[in-house]
Amino acid sequence: MPKRRRHFVALPSRSSCSRHLPILRARAQKPTVVMVERTRGRTTYTVDFKLTDESATNNFLEVLARVEHRYGPDHPVVIYLDPDVPIGEIWDVDGTAGKAQLRNLRFFVYLRGEQTLTEIKRTQSGPFTTNPAN
């Protein structure tokens, strides 16, 4: 009869587990969904399908800060932009999320009629040119 081999698994210590808890928590969560739309001539923000407003406890920055506090700075946040939103609004949303200490953002433009998404990827900035290939 063959000998049984014993397998051991090294478990992290309690102190290192608590240090990695926000990272583990962020991986286990579904991403937070932010919708940025133009409604009646103004930009509106919806976070996880709840409309934000201008009040002190429900404004866009406060809601994003609660997301960061609950899930950590690396929690994934998916931002869907209505094509009618001005292009500068993208950087306003990015800056507001940065103030809330959120770092894991992905931006998409969505076309409801066509039911399509296009991701906007931020690249390294450079000088303006009419020939960006060089």
Protein backbone atom coordinates (compact mmCIF):
# COMPACT_ATOMS: atom_id res chain seq x y z
CA MET A 1 0.00 0.00 0.00
CA PRO A 2 1.48 3.40 -1.02
CA LYS A 3 2.18 5.98 1.64
CA ARG A 4 -0.22 8.93 1.81
CA ARG A 5 1.39 12.27 1.29
CA ARG A 6 0.43 15.14 3.48
CA HIS A 7 -0.19 18.50 1.85
CA PHE A 8 0.18 21.68 3.81
CA VAL A 9 -1.15 25.07 2.89
CA ALA A 10 0.51 28.16 4.27
CA LEU A 11 -2.10 30.56 5.55
CA PRO A 12 -1.28 34.23 6.02
CA SER A 13 -1.03 35.51 9.53
CA ARG A 14 -3.88 37.54 10.96
CA SER A 15 -1.90 40.80 10.69
CA SER A 16 -1.16 40.36 6.99
CA CYS A 17 -4.78 39.30 6.35
CA SER A 18 -6.16 42.53 7.76
CA ARG A 19 -3.66 44.50 5.69
CA HIS A 20 -5.00 42.90 2.49
CA LEU A 21 -8.67 42.97 3.46
CA PRO A 22 -9.55 46.04 1.31
CA ILE A 23 -7.94 44.42 -1.72
CA LEU A 24 -9.80 41.15 -1.17
CA ARG A 25 -13.01 43.04 -0.51
CA ALA A 26 -12.65 45.03 -3.74
CA ARG A 27 -12.14 41.89 -5.81
CA ALA A 28 -15.21 40.23 -4.36
CA GLN A 29 -17.58 43.13 -5.04
CA LYS A 30 -19.43 43.97 -8.21
CA PRO A 31 -18.34 47.31 -9.65
CA THR A 32 -20.15 50.47 -8.68
CA VAL A 33 -22.04 51.86 -11.68
CA VAL A 34 -22.11 55.62 -12.29
CA MET A 35 -24.40 57.02 -15.00
CA VAL A 36 -23.65 60.55 -16.22
CA GLU A 37 -26.48 61.96 -18.34
CA ARG A 38 -27.85 65.23 -19.69
CA THR A 39 -31.37 65.83 -18.44
CA ARG A 40 -33.25 69.07 -19.12
CA GLY A 41 -30.06 70.92 -19.98
CA ARG A 42 -28.05 69.85 -16.91
CA THR A 43 -25.76 66.98 -16.01
CA THR A 44 -27.15 64.37 -13.61
CA TYR A 45 -25.27 61.64 -11.76
CA THR A 46 -26.70 58.29 -10.75
CA VAL A 47 -24.64 55.96 -8.54
CA ASP A 48 -25.81 52.35 -8.42
CA PHE A 49 -29.15 53.48 -9.90
CA LYS A 50 -29.77 56.11 -7.19
CA LEU A 51 -29.91 59.73 -8.33
CA THR A 52 -27.59 62.14 -6.51
CA ASP A 53 -28.56 65.74 -5.80
CA GLU A 54 -27.10 68.93 -4.41
CA SER A 55 -27.80 68.18 -0.73
CA ALA A 56 -24.95 67.91 1.75
CA THR A 57 -25.47 64.18 2.31
CA ASN A 58 -26.37 63.03 -1.20
CA ASN A 59 -24.12 65.04 -3.51
CA PHE A 60 -21.93 63.22 -6.02
CA LEU A 61 -18.66 63.61 -4.06
CA GLU A 62 -20.25 62.46 -0.79
CA VAL A 63 -21.78 59.38 -2.44
CA LEU A 64 -18.43 58.43 -4.04
CA ALA A 65 -16.65 58.98 -0.71
CA ARG A 66 -19.08 56.50 0.90
CA VAL A 67 -18.26 53.97 -1.85
CA GLU A 68 -14.53 54.37 -1.10
CA HIS A 69 -15.12 54.09 2.66
CA ARG A 70 -17.21 50.93 2.25
CA TYR A 71 -15.14 49.10 -0.39
CA GLY A 72 -11.70 50.71 -0.43
CA PRO A 73 -9.83 52.87 -2.99
CA ASP A 74 -9.27 50.03 -5.48
CA HIS A 75 -12.95 49.13 -5.76
CA PRO A 76 -13.93 49.03 -9.46
CA VAL A 77 -16.11 51.90 -10.63
CA VAL A 78 -17.66 51.80 -14.10
CA ILE A 79 -18.75 55.18 -15.49
CA TYR A 80 -21.26 55.30 -18.34
CA LEU A 81 -21.40 58.64 -20.16
CA ASP A 82 -24.31 59.81 -22.25
CA PRO A 83 -22.94 61.13 -25.58
CA ASP A 84 -24.81 64.41 -24.95
CA VAL A 85 -22.62 65.13 -21.89
CA PRO A 86 -19.87 67.70 -22.69
CA ILE A 87 -16.42 66.13 -23.10
CA GLY A 88 -15.06 68.21 -20.21
CA GLU A 89 -17.44 66.42 -17.89
CA ILE A 90 -15.31 63.27 -18.20
CA TRP A 91 -12.44 64.98 -16.41
CA ASP A 92 -14.82 66.49 -13.83
CA VAL A 93 -16.04 62.99 -12.95
CA ASP A 94 -12.44 61.72 -12.87
CA GLY A 95 -11.43 64.57 -10.57
CA THR A 96 -14.41 64.07 -8.25
CA ALA A 97 -13.64 60.34 -7.99
CA GLY A 98 -10.02 61.25 -7.25
CA LYS A 99 -11.14 63.53 -4.42
CA ALA A 100 -13.09 60.56 -3.05
CA GLN A 101 -9.81 58.54 -3.25
CA LEU A 102 -11.18 56.08 -5.86
CA ARG A 103 -8.50 54.82 -8.26
CA ASN A 104 -10.00 51.99 -10.29
CA LEU A 105 -12.16 53.80 -12.87
CA ARG A 106 -13.28 52.78 -16.35
CA PHE A 107 -15.12 55.20 -18.65
CA PHE A 108 -17.57 54.20 -21.37
CA VAL A 109 -19.73 56.17 -23.78
CA TYR A 110 -23.02 54.37 -24.29
CA LEU A 111 -25.47 54.75 -27.13
CA ARG A 112 -28.89 53.68 -25.89
CA GLY A 113 -30.52 53.49 -29.31
CA GLU A 114 -27.82 51.21 -30.66
CA GLN A 115 -27.20 49.48 -27.30
CA THR A 116 -23.44 49.79 -27.70
CA LEU A 117 -20.55 50.83 -25.47
CA THR A 118 -17.20 52.35 -26.35
CA GLU A 119 -14.48 52.51 -23.71
CA ILE A 120 -12.50 55.72 -23.32
CA LYS A 121 -8.92 54.93 -22.34
CA ARG A 122 -6.77 57.67 -20.93
CA THR A 123 -3.25 57.71 -22.34
CA GLN A 124 -0.18 59.78 -21.68
CA SER A 125 -0.75 63.39 -22.60
CA GLY A 126 1.43 65.10 -25.19
CA PRO A 127 1.63 68.24 -27.28
CA PHE A 128 -1.06 68.96 -29.86
CA THR A 129 -0.20 67.80 -33.36
CA THR A 130 -2.07 67.10 -36.59
CA ASN A 131 0.13 64.02 -37.08
CA PRO A 132 -0.06 62.02 -33.83
CA ALA A 133 1.52 58.88 -35.36
CA ASN A 134 5.01 60.43 -35.15
